[in-house]
Structures are given as C-alpha cells and as structure tokens.
Amino acid sequence: MIAVSGIFGELGWASREMLEPENFETLHRGTGIGSVRTVGYFIYIISVFLLVNKSIYFYLYYLLIIYLIGFIGSVLYYKYGRETRKSSVL
C-alpha cells in the first residue's frame, strides 16, 4: 500500500507543479502558490507527529480519508473550477 501511495502521491505532486501556476493571475501567482504549498506542508508536518505511534491499519485508513478528500476536491474543481486551456497567462 505504501508503494502504491508513493506512486499516486508523486503523480499528484508532478501534476500540481505544472497546473498550479495556471490558477493564479500573474500579479498574485507567487502568493497563491506559496499559500497552497504552505497549507500542504503544514498538514504533512502535523500528520507526521500525529501518526508516529499509530498502527499500520490506522495509517491506511488515514490515507484513504486523505485520498477521498482529494477525490472530492478534484470532482468539485472539475465541476466548478476555472478552465485555463485557452486563457492568457498574463
């Protein structure tokens, strides 16, 4: 499970690197990307300390919940997000 988690986690990070800049206007791009990354790193750091003495089953359920939150976020963005395909980056 951890190997599969690593593969999907890395794909998520790679796609975020390419798509994240498109969602912020040039004037606010640095602040927007920094805010998104800060929240992600903060959640990761808290998770490391909270999960240190938990069982592998607890960790697997935790991952399942995180993936479900990500899936729900993806569906919401697909439905209500801003399409950037033909928009200018300026």
C-alpha atoms as a PDB file:
ATOM      1  CA  MET A   1       0.000   0.000   0.000  1.00  0.00           C
ATOM      2  CA  ILE A   2       2.811   2.404   0.798  1.00  0.00           C
ATOM      3  CA  ALA A   3       4.424   1.826  -2.633  1.00  0.00           C
ATOM      4  CA  VAL A   4       1.110   2.478  -4.387  1.00  0.00           C
ATOM      5  CA  SER A   5       0.610   5.538  -2.209  1.00  0.00           C
ATOM      6  CA  GLY A   6       4.045   6.798  -3.232  1.00  0.00           C
ATOM      7  CA  ILE A   7       3.280   6.432  -6.934  1.00  0.00           C
ATOM      8  CA  PHE A   8      -0.003   8.328  -6.722  1.00  0.00           C
ATOM      9  CA  GLY A   9       1.490  10.886  -4.384  1.00  0.00           C
ATOM     10  CA  GLU A  10       4.314  11.646  -6.800  1.00  0.00           C
ATOM     11  CA  LEU A  11       1.902  11.903  -9.741  1.00  0.00           C
ATOM     12  CA  GLY A  12      -0.147  14.378  -7.753  1.00  0.00           C
ATOM     13  CA  TRP A  13       2.915  16.494  -6.930  1.00  0.00           C
ATOM     14  CA  ALA A  14       4.109  16.409 -10.544  1.00  0.00           C
ATOM     15  CA  SER A  15       0.752  17.493 -11.948  1.00  0.00           C
ATOM     16  CA  ARG A  16       0.469  20.191  -9.301  1.00  0.00           C
ATOM     17  CA  GLU A  17       3.819  21.627 -10.355  1.00  0.00           C
ATOM     18  CA  MET A  18       2.564  22.012 -13.927  1.00  0.00           C
ATOM     19  CA  LEU A  19      -1.035  23.095 -13.309  1.00  0.00           C
ATOM     20  CA  GLU A  20      -0.803  25.228 -10.178  1.00  0.00           C
ATOM     21  CA  PRO A  21       0.585  28.367 -11.864  1.00  0.00           C
ATOM     22  CA  GLU A  22      -2.353  28.439 -14.276  1.00  0.00           C
ATOM     23  CA  ASN A  23      -4.832  29.022 -11.468  1.00  0.00           C
ATOM     24  CA  PHE A  24      -3.383  32.306 -10.258  1.00  0.00           C
ATOM     25  CA  GLU A  25      -3.134  35.605 -12.078  1.00  0.00           C
ATOM     26  CA  THR A  26       0.402  36.818 -12.725  1.00  0.00           C
ATOM     27  CA  LEU A  27       0.116  39.568 -10.121  1.00  0.00           C
ATOM     28  CA  HIS A  28      -0.809  37.089  -7.358  1.00  0.00           C
ATOM     29  CA  ARG A  29       0.900  33.912  -8.603  1.00  0.00           C
ATOM     30  CA  GLY A  30       3.727  33.814  -6.054  1.00  0.00           C
ATOM     31  CA  THR A  31       1.443  34.470  -3.096  1.00  0.00           C
ATOM     32  CA  GLY A  32      -1.139  31.965  -4.311  1.00  0.00           C
ATOM     33  CA  ILE A  33       1.343  29.149  -4.905  1.00  0.00           C
ATOM     34  CA  GLY A  34       3.088  29.893  -1.616  1.00  0.00           C
ATOM     35  CA  SER A  35      -0.213  29.756   0.274  1.00  0.00           C
ATOM     36  CA  VAL A  36      -1.231  26.452  -1.303  1.00  0.00           C
ATOM     37  CA  ARG A  37       2.159  24.886  -0.570  1.00  0.00           C
ATOM     38  CA  THR A  38       2.246  26.202   2.994  1.00  0.00           C
ATOM     39  CA  VAL A  39      -1.090  24.576   3.795  1.00  0.00           C
ATOM     40  CA  GLY A  40       0.053  21.262   2.284  1.00  0.00           C
ATOM     41  CA  TYR A  41       3.365  21.238   4.151  1.00  0.00           C
ATOM     42  CA  PHE A  42       1.674  22.241   7.404  1.00  0.00           C
ATOM     43  CA  ILE A  43      -0.791  19.343   7.132  1.00  0.00           C
ATOM     44  CA  TYR A  44       2.090  16.980   6.330  1.00  0.00           C
ATOM     45  CA  ILE A  45       4.149  18.073   9.351  1.00  0.00           C
ATOM     46  CA  ILE A  46       1.165  17.723  11.691  1.00  0.00           C
ATOM     47  CA  SER A  47       0.429  14.278  10.213  1.00  0.00           C
ATOM     48  CA  VAL A  48       3.959  13.048  10.869  1.00  0.00           C
ATOM     49  CA  PHE A  49       3.684  13.847  14.562  1.00  0.00           C
ATOM     50  CA  LEU A  50       0.114  12.576  14.944  1.00  0.00           C
ATOM     51  CA  LEU A  51       0.765   9.239  13.187  1.00  0.00           C
ATOM     52  CA  VAL A  52       4.129   8.366  14.739  1.00  0.00           C
ATOM     53  CA  ASN A  53       2.814   5.696  17.162  1.00  0.00           C
ATOM     54  CA  LYS A  54      -0.271   4.565  15.268  1.00  0.00           C
ATOM     55  CA  SER A  55      -0.776   1.136  13.746  1.00  0.00           C
ATOM     56  CA  ILE A  56      -0.405   0.412  10.045  1.00  0.00           C
ATOM     57  CA  TYR A  57      -4.176  -0.045   9.801  1.00  0.00           C
ATOM     58  CA  PHE A  58      -4.798   3.394  11.267  1.00  0.00           C
ATOM     59  CA  TYR A  59      -2.311   4.813   8.738  1.00  0.00           C
ATOM     60  CA  LEU A  60      -4.083   3.053   5.868  1.00  0.00           C
ATOM     61  CA  TYR A  61      -7.453   4.460   6.952  1.00  0.00           C
ATOM     62  CA  TYR A  62      -5.859   7.880   7.277  1.00  0.00           C
ATOM     63  CA  LEU A  63      -4.546   7.617   3.712  1.00  0.00           C
ATOM     64  CA  LEU A  64      -7.951   6.502   2.491  1.00  0.00           C
ATOM     65  CA  ILE A  65      -9.553   9.573   4.062  1.00  0.00           C
ATOM     66  CA  ILE A  66      -6.893  11.866   2.564  1.00  0.00           C
ATOM     67  CA  TYR A  67      -7.402  10.325  -0.881  1.00  0.00           C
ATOM     68  CA  LEU A  68     -11.170  10.689  -0.589  1.00  0.00           C
ATOM     69  CA  ILE A  69     -10.775  14.356   0.316  1.00  0.00           C
ATOM     70  CA  GLY A  70      -8.532  14.778  -2.729  1.00  0.00           C
ATOM     71  CA  PHE A  71     -11.016  12.987  -4.955  1.00  0.00           C
ATOM     72  CA  ILE A  72     -13.883  15.149  -3.717  1.00  0.00           C
ATOM     73  CA  GLY A  73     -11.764  18.251  -4.296  1.00  0.00           C
ATOM     74  CA  SER A  74     -10.996  17.068  -7.834  1.00  0.00           C
ATOM     75  CA  VAL A  75     -14.656  16.496  -8.606  1.00  0.00           C
ATOM     76  CA  LEU A  76     -15.576  19.914  -7.227  1.00  0.00           C
ATOM     77  CA  TYR A  77     -12.828  21.585  -9.263  1.00  0.00           C
ATOM     78  CA  TYR A  78     -13.892  19.689 -12.383  1.00  0.00           C
ATOM     79  CA  LYS A  79     -17.451  20.850 -11.867  1.00  0.00           C
ATOM     80  CA  TYR A  80     -16.895  24.441 -10.682  1.00  0.00           C
ATOM     81  CA  GLY A  81     -13.237  25.250 -11.386  1.00  0.00           C
ATOM     82  CA  ARG A  82     -11.879  27.694 -13.896  1.00  0.00           C
ATOM     83  CA  GLU A  83     -10.881  26.282 -17.305  1.00  0.00           C
ATOM     84  CA  THR A  84      -7.477  27.629 -18.256  1.00  0.00           C
ATOM     85  CA  ARG A  85      -6.895  25.936 -21.607  1.00  0.00           C
ATOM     86  CA  LYS A  86      -7.291  28.980 -23.850  1.00  0.00           C
ATOM     87  CA  SER A  87      -6.749  31.772 -21.343  1.00  0.00           C
ATOM     88  CA  SER A  88      -3.766  34.089 -21.297  1.00  0.00           C
ATOM     89  CA  VAL A  89      -1.221  33.696 -18.505  1.00  0.00           C
ATOM     90  CA  LEU A  90      -0.848  37.468 -18.198  1.00  0.00           C
END
